[in-house]
Amino acid sequence: MEQNSLLSINNLSIKLSSSHNNIQIVNNLNIHIKKGEIVGLIGESGSGKSVTALSYFNYFPKCIN
């Protein structure tokens, strides 16, 4: 964890796996949020925002690695 970080995510990569292919949803994401900071995660529909947030709590479907 980076010094003084309230939340720190390093090199997060997430893949969606199916029987036919793998889709890279998030690739090597780094986030460091300090106490008192206000942060927004924005992007198009289906860009991985919700999956990124859920991954911090290790809460996502089995098809996601």
N, C-alpha and C. Protein backbone atom coordinates (compact mmCIF):
# COMPACT_ATOMS: atom_id res chain seq x y z
N MET A 1 0.84 -1.18 0.00
CA MET A 1 0.00 0.00 0.00
C MET A 1 0.88 1.24 0.00
N GLU A 2 0.55 2.16 -0.87
CA GLU A 2 1.32 3.39 -0.95
C GLU A 2 1.16 4.18 0.35
N GLN A 3 2.21 4.86 0.76
CA GLN A 3 2.18 5.58 2.03
C GLN A 3 1.03 6.59 2.05
N ASN A 4 0.30 6.64 3.15
CA ASN A 4 -0.84 7.54 3.37
C ASN A 4 -2.06 7.22 2.52
N SER A 5 -2.12 6.05 1.90
CA SER A 5 -3.28 5.68 1.09
C SER A 5 -4.36 5.05 1.96
N LEU A 6 -5.60 5.46 1.73
CA LEU A 6 -6.74 4.85 2.38
C LEU A 6 -7.16 3.60 1.60
N LEU A 7 -7.05 3.69 0.27
CA LEU A 7 -7.35 2.57 -0.62
C LEU A 7 -6.24 2.49 -1.65
N SER A 8 -5.69 1.30 -1.84
CA SER A 8 -4.61 1.12 -2.79
C SER A 8 -4.82 -0.17 -3.56
N ILE A 9 -4.84 -0.07 -4.88
CA ILE A 9 -4.96 -1.23 -5.76
C ILE A 9 -3.78 -1.17 -6.72
N ASN A 10 -3.03 -2.26 -6.80
CA ASN A 10 -1.84 -2.31 -7.66
C ASN A 10 -1.96 -3.40 -8.70
N ASN A 11 -1.75 -3.03 -9.96
CA ASN A 11 -1.68 -3.97 -11.09
C ASN A 11 -2.89 -4.90 -11.17
N LEU A 12 -4.09 -4.36 -11.02
CA LEU A 12 -5.31 -5.16 -11.11
C LEU A 12 -5.61 -5.50 -12.56
N SER A 13 -5.75 -6.78 -12.85
CA SER A 13 -6.17 -7.25 -14.17
C SER A 13 -7.34 -8.19 -13.98
N ILE A 14 -8.37 -8.03 -14.81
CA ILE A 14 -9.57 -8.86 -14.72
C ILE A 14 -9.93 -9.36 -16.11
N LYS A 15 -10.18 -10.68 -16.21
CA LYS A 15 -10.59 -11.30 -17.47
C LYS A 15 -11.95 -11.96 -17.30
N LEU A 16 -12.79 -11.84 -18.31
CA LEU A 16 -14.06 -12.54 -18.37
C LEU A 16 -13.86 -13.76 -19.25
N SER A 17 -14.08 -14.94 -18.69
CA SER A 17 -13.83 -16.19 -19.42
C SER A 17 -15.14 -16.85 -19.81
N SER A 18 -15.17 -17.33 -21.05
CA SER A 18 -16.30 -18.15 -21.51
C SER A 18 -15.72 -19.37 -22.20
N SER A 19 -16.59 -20.25 -22.65
CA SER A 19 -16.10 -21.46 -23.32
C SER A 19 -15.47 -21.13 -24.68
N HIS A 20 -15.77 -19.96 -25.23
CA HIS A 20 -15.27 -19.61 -26.56
C HIS A 20 -14.09 -18.63 -26.56
N ASN A 21 -14.04 -17.75 -25.57
CA ASN A 21 -12.94 -16.77 -25.57
C ASN A 21 -12.76 -16.13 -24.20
N ASN A 22 -11.72 -15.33 -24.08
CA ASN A 22 -11.44 -14.54 -22.88
C ASN A 22 -11.45 -13.07 -23.26
N ILE A 23 -12.06 -12.25 -22.43
CA ILE A 23 -12.12 -10.82 -22.68
C ILE A 23 -11.42 -10.10 -21.53
N GLN A 24 -10.41 -9.30 -21.86
CA GLN A 24 -9.70 -8.52 -20.85
C GLN A 24 -10.56 -7.31 -20.51
N ILE A 25 -11.08 -7.26 -19.29
CA ILE A 25 -11.94 -6.16 -18.86
C ILE A 25 -11.11 -5.03 -18.27
N VAL A 26 -10.16 -5.38 -17.43
CA VAL A 26 -9.28 -4.40 -16.79
C VAL A 26 -7.85 -4.91 -16.94
N ASN A 27 -6.92 -4.01 -17.30
CA ASN A 27 -5.55 -4.43 -17.53
C ASN A 27 -4.58 -3.53 -16.76
N ASN A 28 -3.95 -4.09 -15.73
CA ASN A 28 -2.91 -3.41 -14.94
C ASN A 28 -3.34 -2.05 -14.39
N LEU A 29 -4.47 -2.02 -13.72
CA LEU A 29 -5.00 -0.79 -13.13
C LEU A 29 -4.33 -0.51 -11.79
N ASN A 30 -3.95 0.73 -11.57
CA ASN A 30 -3.38 1.17 -10.30
C ASN A 30 -4.22 2.34 -9.77
N ILE A 31 -4.68 2.23 -8.52
CA ILE A 31 -5.45 3.29 -7.89
C ILE A 31 -4.90 3.50 -6.48
N HIS A 32 -4.68 4.75 -6.12
CA HIS A 32 -4.23 5.10 -4.78
C HIS A 32 -5.06 6.30 -4.33
N ILE A 33 -5.91 6.09 -3.33
CA ILE A 33 -6.80 7.14 -2.84
C ILE A 33 -6.40 7.47 -1.40
N LYS A 34 -6.15 8.74 -1.17
CA LYS A 34 -5.75 9.20 0.17
C LYS A 34 -6.97 9.69 0.94
N LYS A 35 -6.86 9.68 2.25
CA LYS A 35 -7.93 10.16 3.12
C LYS A 35 -8.31 11.59 2.74
N GLY A 36 -9.61 11.82 2.58
CA GLY A 36 -10.10 13.15 2.25
C GLY A 36 -10.27 13.40 0.76
N GLU A 37 -9.72 12.54 -0.08
CA GLU A 37 -9.87 12.70 -1.52
C GLU A 37 -11.26 12.25 -1.97
N ILE A 38 -11.77 12.90 -2.99
CA ILE A 38 -13.02 12.49 -3.62
C ILE A 38 -12.67 12.02 -5.02
N VAL A 39 -13.08 10.78 -5.33
CA VAL A 39 -12.68 10.16 -6.60
C VAL A 39 -13.92 9.66 -7.32
N GLY A 40 -13.95 9.84 -8.62
CA GLY A 40 -15.03 9.28 -9.45
C GLY A 40 -14.43 8.37 -10.50
N LEU A 41 -15.09 7.27 -10.75
CA LEU A 41 -14.66 6.33 -11.78
C LEU A 41 -15.69 6.41 -12.90
N ILE A 42 -15.28 6.94 -14.05
CA ILE A 42 -16.21 7.14 -15.15
C ILE A 42 -15.78 6.35 -16.37
N GLY A 43 -16.74 6.03 -17.21
CA GLY A 43 -16.46 5.32 -18.44
C GLY A 43 -17.75 4.88 -19.10
N GLU A 44 -17.62 4.40 -20.31
CA GLU A 44 -18.78 3.95 -21.06
C GLU A 44 -19.40 2.73 -20.42
N SER A 45 -20.65 2.46 -20.78
CA SER A 45 -21.34 1.27 -20.32
C SER A 45 -20.55 0.04 -20.74
N GLY A 46 -20.31 -0.86 -19.80
CA GLY A 46 -19.57 -2.08 -20.11
C GLY A 46 -18.06 -1.94 -20.08
N SER A 47 -17.55 -0.81 -19.58
CA SER A 47 -16.10 -0.60 -19.59
C SER A 47 -15.38 -1.17 -18.38
N GLY A 48 -16.13 -1.72 -17.40
CA GLY A 48 -15.48 -2.39 -16.28
C GLY A 48 -15.51 -1.64 -14.96
N LYS A 49 -16.27 -0.56 -14.86
CA LYS A 49 -16.32 0.23 -13.63
C LYS A 49 -16.84 -0.58 -12.45
N SER A 50 -17.99 -1.21 -12.62
CA SER A 50 -18.60 -1.98 -11.53
C SER A 50 -17.75 -3.19 -11.15
N VAL A 51 -17.21 -3.87 -12.14
CA VAL A 51 -16.37 -5.04 -11.88
C VAL A 51 -15.11 -4.63 -11.11
N THR A 52 -14.56 -3.48 -11.45
CA THR A 52 -13.39 -2.97 -10.74
C THR A 52 -13.72 -2.72 -9.27
N ALA A 53 -14.85 -2.08 -9.01
CA ALA A 53 -15.25 -1.81 -7.62
C ALA A 53 -15.53 -3.11 -6.87
N LEU A 54 -16.24 -4.05 -7.49
CA LEU A 54 -16.56 -5.32 -6.84
C LEU A 54 -15.31 -6.16 -6.58
N SER A 55 -14.30 -6.03 -7.42
CA SER A 55 -13.09 -6.83 -7.25
C SER A 55 -12.36 -6.49 -5.96
N TYR A 56 -12.48 -5.25 -5.49
CA TYR A 56 -11.83 -4.87 -4.25
C TYR A 56 -12.35 -5.70 -3.08
N PHE A 57 -13.62 -6.08 -3.15
CA PHE A 57 -14.24 -6.89 -2.11
C PHE A 57 -14.27 -8.37 -2.47
N ASN A 58 -13.59 -8.72 -3.57
CA ASN A 58 -13.52 -10.11 -4.05
C ASN A 58 -14.93 -10.69 -4.26
N TYR A 59 -15.80 -9.88 -4.86
CA TYR A 59 -17.20 -10.25 -5.03
C TYR A 59 -17.59 -10.08 -6.50
N PHE A 60 -17.41 -11.14 -7.27
CA PHE A 60 -17.84 -11.12 -8.66
C PHE A 60 -18.13 -12.53 -9.14
N PRO A 61 -18.79 -12.68 -10.29
CA PRO A 61 -19.18 -14.01 -10.80
C PRO A 61 -17.98 -14.92 -11.04
N LYS A 62 -18.24 -16.23 -11.05
CA LYS A 62 -17.18 -17.22 -11.24
C LYS A 62 -16.51 -17.11 -12.61
N CYS A 63 -17.20 -16.55 -13.60
CA CYS A 63 -16.63 -16.45 -14.95
C CYS A 63 -15.57 -15.36 -15.05
N ILE A 64 -15.37 -14.59 -13.99
CA ILE A 64 -14.38 -13.52 -14.00
C ILE A 64 -13.16 -13.97 -13.21
N ASN A 65 -11.97 -13.79 -13.82
CA ASN A 65 -10.70 -14.17 -13.19
C ASN A 65 -9.92 -12.92 -12.80
